[in-house]
């Protein structure tokens, strides 16, 4: 009988956790500029829509990196996917490490 109560309590805790995580996900939604690219497929890196998507991603990520870390990056220097990787490395960075160490790993594109 005790195992049924423990199982019931675990299910209630799980349901509560799922509801809280859904509320957090709804609160942290992407900006409307990203929603316009939702579900689209690109033919390649020369596709005009992909170029617009990459530019939007670059601008969004550089603003987020400036806001979160206070480090200014030029959106024209790195691709959108490089900026995603740079941001994830900045999250793992120790406080004494300079940002430039991580930027050496990424080639700059003019």
C-alpha atoms as a PDB file:
ATOM      1  CA  UNK A   1       0.000   0.000   0.000  1.00  0.00           C
ATOM      2  CA  UNK A   2       2.898   2.344   0.754  1.00  0.00           C
ATOM      3  CA  UNK A   3       4.368   1.763  -2.688  1.00  0.00           C
ATOM      4  CA  UNK A   4       1.136   3.002  -4.307  1.00  0.00           C
ATOM      5  CA  UNK A   5       1.305   6.237  -2.300  1.00  0.00           C
ATOM      6  CA  UNK A   6       4.956   6.751  -3.171  1.00  0.00           C
ATOM      7  CA  UNK A   7       4.184   6.131  -6.851  1.00  0.00           C
ATOM      8  CA  UNK A   8       1.270   8.589  -6.704  1.00  0.00           C
ATOM      9  CA  UNK A   9       3.446  11.266  -5.077  1.00  0.00           C
ATOM     10  CA  UNK A  10       6.136  10.790  -7.727  1.00  0.00           C
ATOM     11  CA  UNK A  11       3.566  11.197 -10.506  1.00  0.00           C
ATOM     12  CA  UNK A  12       2.264  14.414  -8.918  1.00  0.00           C
ATOM     13  CA  UNK A  13       5.794  15.802  -8.613  1.00  0.00           C
ATOM     14  CA  UNK A  14       6.513  14.878 -12.222  1.00  0.00           C
ATOM     15  CA  UNK A  15       3.331  16.584 -13.466  1.00  0.00           C
ATOM     16  CA  UNK A  16       4.144  19.702 -11.463  1.00  0.00           C
ATOM     17  CA  UNK A  17       7.670  19.789 -12.927  1.00  0.00           C
ATOM     18  CA  UNK A  18       6.365  19.444 -16.476  1.00  0.00           C
ATOM     19  CA  UNK A  19       3.916  22.314 -15.943  1.00  0.00           C
ATOM     20  CA  UNK A  20       6.637  24.569 -14.539  1.00  0.00           C
ATOM     21  CA  UNK A  21       9.003  23.808 -17.413  1.00  0.00           C
ATOM     22  CA  UNK A  22       6.253  24.528 -19.958  1.00  0.00           C
ATOM     23  CA  UNK A  23       5.564  27.885 -18.330  1.00  0.00           C
ATOM     24  CA  UNK A  24       9.269  28.762 -18.488  1.00  0.00           C
ATOM     25  CA  UNK A  25       9.479  27.749 -22.145  1.00  0.00           C
ATOM     26  CA  UNK A  26       6.515  29.931 -23.049  1.00  0.00           C
ATOM     27  CA  UNK A  27       8.003  32.892 -21.214  1.00  0.00           C
ATOM     28  CA  UNK A  28      11.353  32.588 -23.028  1.00  0.00           C
ATOM     29  CA  UNK A  29      10.108  32.586 -26.591  1.00  0.00           C
ATOM     30  CA  UNK A  30      12.108  33.729 -29.582  1.00  0.00           C
ATOM     31  CA  UNK A  31      11.636  37.114 -31.093  1.00  0.00           C
ATOM     32  CA  UNK A  32       9.145  37.459 -33.969  1.00  0.00           C
ATOM     33  CA  UNK A  33      11.992  37.751 -36.470  1.00  0.00           C
ATOM     34  CA  UNK A  34      12.926  34.090 -35.809  1.00  0.00           C
ATOM     35  CA  UNK A  35       9.365  32.852 -36.050  1.00  0.00           C
ATOM     36  CA  UNK A  36       9.269  33.842 -39.711  1.00  0.00           C
ATOM     37  CA  UNK A  37      12.025  31.249 -40.400  1.00  0.00           C
ATOM     38  CA  UNK A  38      10.319  28.460 -38.453  1.00  0.00           C
ATOM     39  CA  UNK A  39      10.043  25.242 -40.465  1.00  0.00           C
ATOM     40  CA  UNK A  40      11.771  26.535 -43.572  1.00  0.00           C
ATOM     41  CA  UNK A  41      14.289  24.531 -45.534  1.00  0.00           C
ATOM     42  CA  UNK A  42      17.144  26.230 -47.329  1.00  0.00           C
ATOM     43  CA  UNK A  43      18.681  25.008 -50.575  1.00  0.00           C
ATOM     44  CA  UNK A  44      22.179  26.070 -49.540  1.00  0.00           C
ATOM     45  CA  UNK A  45      24.269  28.844 -48.096  1.00  0.00           C
ATOM     46  CA  UNK A  46      23.680  30.981 -51.187  1.00  0.00           C
ATOM     47  CA  UNK A  47      19.893  30.882 -50.702  1.00  0.00           C
ATOM     48  CA  UNK A  48      18.651  34.464 -50.081  1.00  0.00           C
ATOM     49  CA  UNK A  49      16.387  33.289 -47.252  1.00  0.00           C
ATOM     50  CA  UNK A  50      19.323  31.538 -45.561  1.00  0.00           C
ATOM     51  CA  UNK A  51      21.374  34.717 -45.828  1.00  0.00           C
ATOM     52  CA  UNK A  52      18.535  36.647 -44.145  1.00  0.00           C
ATOM     53  CA  UNK A  53      18.266  33.972 -41.456  1.00  0.00           C
ATOM     54  CA  UNK A  54      22.009  34.009 -40.800  1.00  0.00           C
ATOM     55  CA  UNK A  55      22.060  37.807 -40.569  1.00  0.00           C
ATOM     56  CA  UNK A  56      19.125  37.783 -38.147  1.00  0.00           C
ATOM     57  CA  UNK A  57      20.814  35.085 -36.061  1.00  0.00           C
ATOM     58  CA  UNK A  58      24.101  37.007 -36.005  1.00  0.00           C
ATOM     59  CA  UNK A  59      22.460  40.232 -34.834  1.00  0.00           C
ATOM     60  CA  UNK A  60      20.404  38.449 -32.189  1.00  0.00           C
ATOM     61  CA  UNK A  61      23.372  36.522 -30.797  1.00  0.00           C
ATOM     62  CA  UNK A  62      25.733  39.485 -30.701  1.00  0.00           C
ATOM     63  CA  UNK A  63      23.147  41.461 -28.722  1.00  0.00           C
ATOM     64  CA  UNK A  64      22.650  38.518 -26.368  1.00  0.00           C
ATOM     65  CA  UNK A  65      26.417  38.090 -25.852  1.00  0.00           C
ATOM     66  CA  UNK A  66      26.806  41.797 -25.118  1.00  0.00           C
ATOM     67  CA  UNK A  67      23.908  41.679 -22.659  1.00  0.00           C
ATOM     68  CA  UNK A  68      25.012  38.503 -20.900  1.00  0.00           C
ATOM     69  CA  UNK A  69      28.812  38.778 -20.938  1.00  0.00           C
ATOM     70  CA  UNK A  70      29.551  42.423 -21.747  1.00  0.00           C
ATOM     71  CA  UNK A  71      31.847  41.431 -24.609  1.00  0.00           C
ATOM     72  CA  UNK A  72      31.351  43.145 -27.957  1.00  0.00           C
ATOM     73  CA  UNK A  73      31.575  41.038 -31.118  1.00  0.00           C
ATOM     74  CA  UNK A  74      31.115  42.212 -34.680  1.00  0.00           C
ATOM     75  CA  UNK A  75      28.225  40.304 -36.313  1.00  0.00           C
ATOM     76  CA  UNK A  76      29.942  40.508 -39.706  1.00  0.00           C
ATOM     77  CA  UNK A  77      33.054  38.731 -38.459  1.00  0.00           C
ATOM     78  CA  UNK A  78      31.570  35.366 -37.419  1.00  0.00           C
ATOM     79  CA  UNK A  79      28.783  33.190 -38.816  1.00  0.00           C
ATOM     80  CA  UNK A  80      25.610  32.613 -36.832  1.00  0.00           C
ATOM     81  CA  UNK A  81      26.607  29.069 -35.957  1.00  0.00           C
ATOM     82  CA  UNK A  82      30.074  30.209 -34.844  1.00  0.00           C
ATOM     83  CA  UNK A  83      28.404  32.738 -32.557  1.00  0.00           C
ATOM     84  CA  UNK A  84      26.284  29.954 -31.043  1.00  0.00           C
ATOM     85  CA  UNK A  85      29.452  28.001 -30.267  1.00  0.00           C
ATOM     86  CA  UNK A  86      31.221  31.094 -28.946  1.00  0.00           C
ATOM     87  CA  UNK A  87      28.329  31.811 -26.606  1.00  0.00           C
ATOM     88  CA  UNK A  88      28.367  28.257 -25.267  1.00  0.00           C
ATOM     89  CA  UNK A  89      32.117  28.481 -24.655  1.00  0.00           C
ATOM     90  CA  UNK A  90      31.676  31.809 -22.862  1.00  0.00           C
ATOM     91  CA  UNK A  91      29.195  30.104 -20.536  1.00  0.00           C
ATOM     92  CA  UNK A  92      31.874  27.565 -19.572  1.00  0.00           C
ATOM     93  CA  UNK A  93      34.626  30.153 -19.218  1.00  0.00           C
ATOM     94  CA  UNK A  94      36.306  30.657 -15.866  1.00  0.00           C
ATOM     95  CA  UNK A  95      36.189  34.184 -14.501  1.00  0.00           C
ATOM     96  CA  UNK A  96      39.975  34.645 -14.773  1.00  0.00           C
ATOM     97  CA  UNK A  97      40.177  33.536 -18.416  1.00  0.00           C
ATOM     98  CA  UNK A  98      40.155  36.178 -21.143  1.00  0.00           C
ATOM     99  CA  UNK A  99      37.574  35.985 -23.924  1.00  0.00           C
ATOM    100  CA  UNK A 100      40.238  36.134 -26.644  1.00  0.00           C
ATOM    101  CA  UNK A 101      41.416  32.587 -25.884  1.00  0.00           C
ATOM    102  CA  UNK A 102      38.108  31.226 -27.135  1.00  0.00           C
ATOM    103  CA  UNK A 103      37.956  33.496 -30.169  1.00  0.00           C
ATOM    104  CA  UNK A 104      41.229  32.072 -31.520  1.00  0.00           C
ATOM    105  CA  UNK A 105      39.418  28.817 -32.292  1.00  0.00           C
ATOM    106  CA  UNK A 106      37.113  30.457 -34.838  1.00  0.00           C
ATOM    107  CA  UNK A 107      38.288  31.789 -38.182  1.00  0.00           C
ATOM    108  CA  UNK A 108      37.169  35.304 -38.972  1.00  0.00           C
ATOM    109  CA  UNK A 109      35.231  35.770 -42.191  1.00  0.00           C
ATOM    110  CA  UNK A 110      35.184  39.227 -43.762  1.00  0.00           C
END
